[in-house]
Each structure stands twice: as structure tokens, then as C-alpha cells.
Amino acid sequence: MTQQLDEQSTVQKITQRSARAATAGVVMILGLLTLSSCAGSNLGDRVGQSLEPDPQLAERNSPSESTDPDRTASPRVTVRPATETDQDAEADPDEAATETSSDSDSVNSDSQASDQAAGAAGYVDLDKAPAEIRPYLDDLLTLELLAVRSPATTTEGTTPSPSANEFRPNQATTRREYARWLLAANNRFYQGNPNRRIRPGVTSSQPVFQDVPVTDADFAAIQGLAEAGIIPSPLTGSSTTLTFRPDAPLTRKDLLLWKVPLDTRQPLPEATATAVKQAWSFQDADTIDPRVSQALIADHQLGDFSNIRRTFGYTTLFQSDKAATRAETAAVLWRFGSPTEGITAAEVLNPTASTTPADSEDNE
């Protein structure tokens, strides 16, 4: 009997638990329905927040980068806000391309201006030359007729150029440089007239000067000028001129003495110190060598095309033994010919230009 009562009691407890569980399920369903109906309301927000997990617990429970070295962070992508330029490019891509092209043209223009500022042949120091001589120097450098070498050693104290982009226009010209430039300029100016060209020396010839062997870099020019009788040498009857001294400074007297015969294409006229003084009013006429005096008289006969006038301007002193600078040498080489028949570097550069030399306009 007692056993039956216990069984009935157990069944009742189980039934009550089942009823409570069912009631709780119904209440939960009703609560969810209530929350759904309150979505977007203050009550729904408060209920939702109450059901969210504790953020501190979530942070503690989530793995961190410091505790997990093998974790690879996702790369951050930064979105740059569109600028006005970007918007303009999207609106008109052709206009944007035009602006880009303009920028490129501006860069090229600046580069060209920089190249022009560097001067002819890329030299950066041509502005140091006398202003009156600078145009002559520019023309000859543009024609590449003033080739400059920097020898490793020199025999008479000349100094090599310290920089490849410096011409050093006020530096003394060496005798070898003048021989090289004189032959190159004459042959370029008379490129179409073989009768006026000077034949370079050949290595099979016996060297005229003891200090200019066939292995010398300027042997062809020096030997050619000597064999043509332009440079005084044993071939012209100067028995005392056995050496050329290629690296010695070029003097004013040799600057004129070698050049004038290529202008007149005639034997030099007779001259005396008195004639030179009357023609040029040189106070130092009595100190000038007779052969040089002949060249000075011939140069005076060139009139406004005179090498002395073009190179030195007005002067009452010739200073025969003074060194000629590279700029002065360029002024002498700028024009070849007589008053009635001549050619300038400017005309070689632009054959269609007027045949009237630029220097004659300044003296009219």
C-alpha cells in the first residue's frame, strides 16, 4: 500500500515539472513576440541592450594579437576622398590629359632654357668672355671648331681645365690649340673650295719640329701648317726655329702672323716700324719684329675687317709678347678673307643669311 502511494507521488511531481516547463516555454514565446512588436521602440532597445553580452567579458574571452603571434592582421584600406582634380579628370578626361601634357611641356621648356643658359657646346662659363667677343665665340663653338683637350702633363706650366663643362675663355691659348683651331676653321670655311684648304700633315713625313713627333696628337695640324709655310720653321728659312713649343702660350704676334696670310692669300707687304706707327699709332711699334710688322700692315689694309680691330678694339699698344686668350683667338678665327671677298662663321652656320659680315655693320 505504501509503495503505491510513493509511486503516485512521484508521478505527480513529474507531471508538475512538465507543466512548469510548458508554461515557461509559452512565456518565452510570448516574450519574443513582444520584443518583435517593440522593435524600434525605446522599450525594445532597452530589452535588446539587456540581453547583449558584457563587452568586458567579450574582450577578455576574444584572442588578442599579443597572445596569438601567428595571427595575421587584415590590411587596412584607406579610402582617400576624391579631390577636385580627380573629379575634374572623371568629368573631362581629355581636359585632364591636356593639363598633364602642359605640365610635361613646361618641364621640357625649363630643361631647354637650362641648356641655353649653359651656352654653346654646354660650357657654363662663356659669360666670362668680353661681351664684344662672345658672339664670335658662340658661333665657333657651335661649329665645333674649338676642340679643347686637357693634357695629363704640360711642358711649360699650362693648367688643364678643371671641369669638362668649362671653356675658360680668358685662359691663354696654347700654340698647339691655335694650330689645331686655325687649320680646322680654314678648312671648314672653305669646305667647298679645295684650292683654299690646307692639307694636314701625314705621318710618313719627316717631322718639321723636333718636339712634335708623328705620335703627337696635333702633329697633323702643326706639320700641315708648317709645310704650307704658314708657321715659321726651317722650311721657311728660319734656321733658329727648330722647336715648336706646342704647350707654350700663344703670343699676340703669332696670333696675327699665322692668320693674316690666310686672309690676304698674298705675300706680306714690306713694312717698317715707322709705317706701323703711322698706320696703327702703336706706341710700342719700335719693339715689334720686322716680320710681325709686315703682318700688321697687311691686317691694317683689311680695313673694317681687320683682325686687330675685331679682337682688341681701339688700342695704341700692340704688346707683341702678351699671351692671347681663347676668346681673342676665337675673334680672330671668326672671319677669313679680304675686304672684298670673305666668309664668316655666322655665314657657315646659316649659308642663306646675308653675306655682309656682322662686324662690318658696327663700323659703318
Protein backbone atom coordinates (compact mmCIF):
# COMPACT_ATOMS: atom_id res chain seq x y z
CA MET A 1 0.00 0.00 0.00
CA THR A 2 2.76 2.37 0.97
CA GLN A 3 4.63 1.56 -2.22
CA GLN A 4 1.64 2.54 -4.32
CA LEU A 5 1.41 5.91 -2.57
CA ASP A 6 5.06 6.64 -3.33
CA GLU A 7 4.62 5.85 -6.98
CA GLN A 8 1.60 8.16 -7.21
CA SER A 9 3.57 10.95 -5.52
CA THR A 10 6.43 10.56 -7.98
CA VAL A 11 4.10 10.69 -10.95
CA GLN A 12 2.52 13.88 -9.63
CA LYS A 13 5.94 15.57 -9.28
CA ILE A 14 6.88 14.64 -12.79
CA THR A 15 3.58 15.97 -14.07
CA GLN A 16 4.04 19.26 -12.19
CA ARG A 17 7.57 19.72 -13.59
CA SER A 18 6.31 19.09 -17.10
CA ALA A 19 3.55 21.64 -16.61
CA ARG A 20 6.00 24.25 -15.32
CA ALA A 21 8.34 23.64 -18.27
CA ALA A 22 5.49 24.02 -20.70
CA THR A 23 4.39 27.21 -19.00
CA ALA A 24 7.94 28.61 -19.19
CA GLY A 25 8.10 27.80 -22.92
CA VAL A 26 4.84 29.60 -23.52
CA VAL A 27 6.07 32.63 -21.57
CA MET A 28 9.31 32.69 -23.61
CA ILE A 29 7.40 32.58 -26.88
CA LEU A 30 5.13 35.37 -25.71
CA GLY A 31 8.21 37.41 -24.71
CA LEU A 32 9.84 37.02 -28.10
CA LEU A 33 6.63 38.07 -29.78
CA THR A 34 6.50 41.09 -27.52
CA LEU A 35 10.09 42.06 -28.35
CA SER A 36 9.37 41.76 -32.05
CA SER A 37 6.40 44.03 -31.76
CA CYS A 38 8.52 46.57 -29.84
CA ALA A 39 11.37 46.70 -32.34
CA GLY A 40 12.50 50.26 -32.92
CA SER A 41 10.85 51.45 -29.70
CA ASN A 42 12.65 52.54 -26.56
CA LEU A 43 11.39 49.52 -24.74
CA GLY A 44 12.73 47.23 -27.43
CA ASP A 45 16.11 48.93 -27.34
CA ARG A 46 16.36 48.61 -23.58
CA VAL A 47 15.35 44.98 -23.69
CA GLY A 48 17.86 44.31 -26.51
CA GLN A 49 20.67 46.03 -24.62
CA SER A 50 19.87 43.99 -21.52
CA LEU A 51 20.28 40.81 -23.49
CA GLU A 52 23.69 41.83 -25.06
CA PRO A 53 26.79 40.14 -23.58
CA ASP A 54 29.09 42.09 -21.28
CA PRO A 55 31.70 43.79 -23.55
CA GLN A 56 34.45 43.39 -20.95
CA LEU A 57 33.76 39.65 -20.80
CA ALA A 58 33.76 39.52 -24.62
CA GLU A 59 37.09 41.38 -24.77
CA ARG A 60 38.67 39.06 -22.22
CA ASN A 61 37.36 35.97 -23.97
CA SER A 62 38.44 37.11 -27.53
CA PRO A 63 42.00 36.20 -28.59
CA SER A 64 44.36 39.23 -28.85
CA GLU A 65 47.28 39.87 -31.22
CA SER A 66 49.75 39.80 -28.36
CA THR A 67 48.63 36.37 -27.19
CA ASP A 68 48.50 34.92 -30.71
CA PRO A 69 51.72 35.74 -32.65
CA ASP A 70 50.65 33.65 -35.62
CA ARG A 71 47.62 35.83 -36.22
CA THR A 72 47.83 37.92 -39.36
CA ALA A 73 46.08 41.25 -39.21
CA SER A 74 43.92 42.16 -42.14
CA PRO A 75 45.41 45.01 -44.19
CA ARG A 76 43.78 48.34 -43.67
CA VAL A 77 42.42 50.02 -46.77
CA THR A 78 42.40 53.80 -46.58
CA VAL A 79 39.89 55.44 -48.82
CA ARG A 80 41.21 58.83 -49.99
CA PRO A 81 38.45 61.35 -50.51
CA ALA A 82 38.13 62.45 -54.10
CA THR A 83 39.85 65.78 -54.79
CA GLU A 84 38.68 68.45 -57.20
CA THR A 85 41.39 67.39 -59.67
CA ASP A 86 40.15 63.78 -59.58
CA GLN A 87 36.58 64.93 -60.05
CA ASP A 88 37.60 67.13 -62.97
CA ALA A 89 39.52 64.27 -64.56
CA GLU A 90 36.50 62.00 -64.25
CA ALA A 91 34.25 64.69 -65.61
CA ASP A 92 36.53 65.55 -68.57
CA PRO A 93 39.40 63.06 -69.19
CA ASP A 94 40.51 64.92 -72.33
CA GLU A 95 40.98 68.14 -70.38
CA ALA A 96 42.95 66.28 -67.71
CA ALA A 97 45.21 64.80 -70.37
CA THR A 98 45.76 68.29 -71.78
CA GLU A 99 46.82 69.58 -68.36
CA THR A 100 49.25 66.69 -67.99
CA SER A 101 50.71 67.44 -71.41
CA SER A 102 51.07 71.10 -70.46
CA ASP A 103 52.96 70.16 -67.33
CA SER A 104 55.29 67.99 -69.41
CA ASP A 105 55.83 70.81 -71.90
CA SER A 106 56.66 73.14 -69.02
CA VAL A 107 59.31 70.72 -67.74
CA ASN A 108 60.80 70.38 -71.24
CA SER A 109 60.81 74.15 -71.64
CA ASP A 110 62.64 74.59 -68.37
CA SER A 111 65.18 71.98 -69.45
CA GLN A 112 65.75 73.76 -72.78
CA ALA A 113 66.16 77.08 -71.00
CA SER A 114 68.72 75.49 -68.72
CA ASP A 115 70.62 74.11 -71.73
CA GLN A 116 70.61 77.53 -73.39
CA ALA A 117 71.88 79.14 -70.19
CA ALA A 118 74.79 76.71 -70.30
CA GLY A 119 75.93 78.28 -73.57
CA ALA A 120 77.27 76.80 -76.79
CA ALA A 121 78.67 73.27 -76.53
CA GLY A 122 77.41 73.04 -72.96
CA TYR A 123 80.04 75.36 -71.47
CA VAL A 124 78.85 77.22 -68.38
CA ASP A 125 81.47 79.97 -68.20
CA LEU A 126 81.16 81.69 -71.58
CA ASP A 127 79.66 84.76 -69.91
CA LYS A 128 83.15 85.50 -68.61
CA ALA A 129 84.31 86.32 -72.13
CA PRO A 130 84.26 90.00 -73.18
CA ALA A 131 80.76 90.94 -74.34
CA GLU A 132 82.04 92.15 -77.73
CA ILE A 133 83.73 88.81 -78.40
CA ARG A 134 81.06 86.48 -77.06
CA PRO A 135 79.09 86.23 -80.38
CA TYR A 136 82.24 85.15 -82.23
CA LEU A 137 82.98 82.58 -79.57
CA ASP A 138 79.44 81.20 -79.65
CA ASP A 139 79.50 80.75 -83.44
CA LEU A 140 82.80 78.87 -83.49
CA LEU A 141 81.81 76.65 -80.57
CA THR A 142 78.53 75.85 -82.29
CA LEU A 143 80.54 74.80 -85.35
CA GLU A 144 82.68 72.64 -83.03
CA LEU A 145 85.87 74.27 -84.30
CA LEU A 146 87.42 74.96 -80.91
CA ALA A 147 88.15 71.47 -79.68
CA VAL A 148 89.74 71.56 -76.23
CA ARG A 149 91.86 68.81 -74.73
CA SER A 150 93.05 68.54 -71.15
CA PRO A 151 96.54 67.02 -71.35
CA ALA A 152 97.70 64.96 -68.41
CA THR A 153 101.02 66.81 -68.40
CA THR A 154 102.25 70.02 -69.98
CA THR A 155 105.76 71.19 -70.73
CA GLU A 156 105.51 74.90 -69.89
CA GLY A 157 103.19 75.20 -66.93
CA THR A 158 99.81 75.40 -68.61
CA THR A 159 96.96 74.13 -66.45
CA PRO A 160 94.39 71.61 -67.71
CA SER A 161 90.77 72.64 -67.49
CA PRO A 162 89.39 71.63 -64.07
CA SER A 163 85.96 70.82 -65.42
CA ALA A 164 84.69 69.37 -68.68
CA ASN A 165 81.90 71.97 -68.88
CA GLU A 166 84.23 74.98 -68.60
CA PHE A 167 85.84 76.58 -71.65
CA ARG A 168 87.85 79.16 -69.69
CA PRO A 169 87.65 81.88 -72.37
CA ASN A 170 90.15 84.14 -70.61
CA GLN A 171 92.80 81.44 -70.34
CA ALA A 172 95.82 81.75 -72.60
CA THR A 173 95.58 79.75 -75.81
CA THR A 174 98.42 77.29 -76.32
CA ARG A 175 100.36 77.17 -79.56
CA ARG A 176 99.09 73.65 -80.28
CA GLU A 177 95.48 74.73 -79.73
CA TYR A 178 95.83 77.62 -82.16
CA ALA A 179 97.39 75.39 -84.81
CA ARG A 180 94.56 72.89 -84.37
CA TRP A 181 91.83 75.53 -84.48
CA LEU A 182 93.38 77.52 -87.34
CA LEU A 183 93.58 74.54 -89.67
CA ALA A 184 90.12 73.27 -88.67
CA ALA A 185 88.46 76.68 -89.17
CA ASN A 186 90.14 77.40 -92.51
CA ASN A 187 89.21 74.00 -93.92
CA ARG A 188 85.61 74.21 -92.65
CA PHE A 189 85.07 77.71 -94.01
CA TYR A 190 86.43 76.66 -97.41
CA GLN A 191 84.93 73.20 -97.37
CA GLY A 192 83.66 73.66 -100.93
CA ASN A 193 86.88 75.25 -102.21
CA PRO A 194 89.78 72.75 -102.20
CA ASN A 195 92.18 75.42 -103.53
CA ARG A 196 91.99 77.28 -100.21
CA ARG A 197 92.15 74.28 -97.91
CA ILE A 198 95.32 73.29 -96.04
CA ARG A 199 96.46 69.69 -96.30
CA PRO A 200 97.08 68.12 -92.87
CA GLY A 201 100.48 66.54 -92.36
CA VAL A 202 100.86 62.81 -92.83
CA THR A 203 102.76 60.50 -90.54
CA SER A 204 105.05 59.36 -93.35
CA SER A 205 106.60 62.85 -93.49
CA GLN A 206 109.75 63.83 -91.63
CA PRO A 207 108.66 65.95 -88.64
CA VAL A 208 109.46 69.63 -89.16
CA PHE A 209 109.88 70.31 -85.44
CA GLN A 210 111.93 68.24 -83.04
CA ASP A 211 109.32 68.45 -80.27
CA VAL A 212 106.33 67.48 -82.44
CA PRO A 213 106.80 63.83 -83.40
CA VAL A 214 104.35 61.90 -85.52
CA THR A 215 102.88 60.47 -82.31
CA ASP A 216 101.80 63.93 -81.09
CA ALA A 217 98.03 64.37 -81.03
CA ASP A 218 98.31 67.61 -83.05
CA PHE A 219 101.04 66.50 -85.42
CA ALA A 220 98.76 66.63 -88.49
CA ALA A 221 97.75 70.27 -87.88
CA ILE A 222 101.19 71.59 -86.88
CA GLN A 223 103.01 69.72 -89.62
CA GLY A 224 100.43 70.75 -92.22
CA LEU A 225 100.68 74.46 -91.35
CA ALA A 226 104.47 74.29 -91.37
CA GLU A 227 104.58 72.55 -94.74
CA ALA A 228 102.19 75.18 -96.12
CA GLY A 229 104.56 77.95 -94.95
CA ILE A 230 102.02 79.42 -92.50
CA ILE A 231 104.13 78.69 -89.41
CA PRO A 232 107.77 79.90 -89.45
CA SER A 233 110.02 76.86 -89.50
CA PRO A 234 113.25 75.58 -91.08
CA LEU A 235 111.18 75.09 -94.22
CA THR A 236 110.64 78.88 -94.48
CA GLY A 237 114.34 79.63 -93.93
CA SER A 238 114.15 80.14 -90.17
CA SER A 239 117.17 78.10 -89.16
CA THR A 240 116.74 79.01 -85.49
CA THR A 241 113.18 77.67 -85.28
CA LEU A 242 113.90 74.03 -84.59
CA THR A 243 111.25 73.52 -81.93
CA PHE A 244 107.59 74.46 -81.92
CA ARG A 245 106.92 74.54 -78.14
CA PRO A 246 103.34 73.26 -78.56
CA ASP A 247 102.24 73.84 -74.97
CA ALA A 248 103.65 77.37 -74.63
CA PRO A 249 101.17 80.29 -74.52
CA LEU A 250 100.31 81.78 -77.90
CA THR A 251 101.51 85.38 -78.21
CA ARG A 252 99.70 88.19 -79.98
CA LYS A 253 102.40 88.42 -82.62
CA ASP A 254 101.95 84.74 -83.60
CA LEU A 255 98.16 85.15 -83.43
CA LEU A 256 98.43 87.71 -86.27
CA LEU A 257 101.47 86.32 -88.06
CA TRP A 258 99.83 82.92 -88.70
CA LYS A 259 96.38 84.22 -89.56
CA VAL A 260 96.85 87.24 -91.86
CA PRO A 261 98.40 85.25 -94.76
CA LEU A 262 95.21 83.15 -94.82
CA ASP A 263 93.17 86.36 -95.21
CA THR A 264 95.19 88.06 -97.96
CA ARG A 265 96.42 84.92 -99.77
CA GLN A 266 99.34 87.11 -100.88
CA PRO A 267 102.93 87.70 -99.80
CA LEU A 268 103.12 90.10 -96.86
CA PRO A 269 103.96 93.71 -97.82
CA GLU A 270 107.14 95.49 -96.84
CA ALA A 271 106.90 97.32 -93.55
CA THR A 272 108.90 99.41 -91.13
CA ALA A 273 108.36 100.49 -87.56
CA THR A 274 107.52 103.96 -88.86
CA ALA A 275 104.86 102.56 -91.19
CA VAL A 276 103.33 100.57 -88.35
CA LYS A 277 103.29 103.65 -86.11
CA GLN A 278 101.63 105.71 -88.82
CA ALA A 279 99.03 103.02 -89.58
CA TRP A 280 98.16 101.96 -86.04
CA SER A 281 99.63 104.67 -83.80
CA PHE A 282 101.20 101.90 -81.73
CA GLN A 283 103.47 103.40 -79.10
CA ASP A 284 105.47 100.16 -78.97
CA ALA A 285 106.00 99.92 -82.75
CA ASP A 286 109.78 100.06 -82.33
CA THR A 287 109.74 96.79 -80.33
CA ILE A 288 107.82 94.78 -82.94
CA ASP A 289 109.72 92.22 -85.04
CA PRO A 290 110.06 93.14 -88.74
CA ARG A 291 108.14 90.04 -89.90
CA VAL A 292 105.31 90.82 -87.48
CA SER A 293 105.28 94.44 -88.69
CA GLN A 294 104.57 93.13 -92.18
CA ALA A 295 101.57 91.20 -90.86
CA LEU A 296 100.32 94.30 -89.03
CA ILE A 297 100.46 96.42 -92.18
CA ALA A 298 98.61 93.70 -94.14
CA ASP A 299 96.00 93.50 -91.39
CA HIS A 300 95.54 97.28 -91.50
CA GLN A 301 94.81 97.01 -95.22
CA LEU A 302 91.80 94.80 -94.38
CA GLY A 303 90.03 97.93 -93.17
CA ASP A 304 86.99 97.25 -91.01
CA PHE A 305 87.66 93.52 -91.38
CA SER A 306 90.98 93.86 -89.58
CA ASN A 307 91.73 91.10 -87.07
CA ILE A 308 93.17 93.63 -84.62
CA ARG A 309 90.06 95.83 -84.71
CA ARG A 310 87.72 92.85 -84.31
CA THR A 311 89.76 91.34 -81.49
CA PHE A 312 91.23 94.19 -79.47
CA GLY A 313 89.07 97.15 -80.41
CA TYR A 314 90.78 100.52 -80.20
CA THR A 315 94.28 100.32 -78.73
CA THR A 316 97.54 102.26 -79.00
CA LEU A 317 99.61 99.33 -77.77
CA PHE A 318 100.08 96.02 -79.57
CA GLN A 319 102.05 94.19 -76.82
CA SER A 320 103.60 91.62 -79.14
CA ASP A 321 104.60 89.12 -76.46
CA LYS A 322 101.40 89.23 -74.43
CA ALA A 323 99.50 85.94 -74.35
CA ALA A 324 96.35 85.75 -76.46
CA THR A 325 93.28 84.36 -74.72
CA ARG A 326 90.93 81.74 -76.08
CA ALA A 327 88.22 84.36 -76.55
CA GLU A 328 90.60 86.61 -78.51
CA THR A 329 91.65 83.65 -80.63
CA ALA A 330 88.00 82.98 -81.46
CA ALA A 331 87.55 86.59 -82.59
CA VAL A 332 90.50 86.26 -84.99
CA LEU A 333 89.21 82.97 -86.41
CA TRP A 334 85.63 84.19 -86.86
CA ARG A 335 86.33 85.64 -90.32
CA PHE A 336 88.63 84.72 -93.20
CA GLY A 337 89.19 86.76 -96.34
CA SER A 338 89.91 90.14 -97.89
CA PRO A 339 87.68 93.22 -97.72
CA THR A 340 86.00 92.27 -101.00
CA GLU A 341 85.84 88.52 -100.56
CA GLY A 342 85.43 86.89 -97.19
CA ILE A 343 83.41 84.43 -95.14
CA THR A 344 82.35 84.41 -91.50
CA ALA A 345 81.39 81.71 -89.04
CA ALA A 346 77.86 83.13 -89.00
CA GLU A 347 77.57 82.53 -92.75
CA VAL A 348 78.90 78.99 -92.37
CA LEU A 349 76.20 78.35 -89.77
CA ASN A 350 73.49 79.88 -91.97
CA PRO A 351 74.50 79.87 -95.66
CA THR A 352 71.24 81.60 -96.68
CA ALA A 353 71.97 84.63 -94.49
CA SER A 354 73.26 87.91 -95.84
CA THR A 355 76.89 87.83 -96.91
CA THR A 356 77.53 91.14 -95.15
CA PRO A 357 79.57 90.31 -92.02
CA ALA A 358 78.00 91.31 -88.73
CA ASP A 359 81.13 93.09 -87.58
CA SER A 360 81.10 95.46 -90.57
CA GLU A 361 77.70 96.83 -89.55
CA ASP A 362 79.16 98.03 -86.26
CA ASN A 363 81.86 100.01 -88.02
CA GLU A 364 79.84 101.73 -90.73
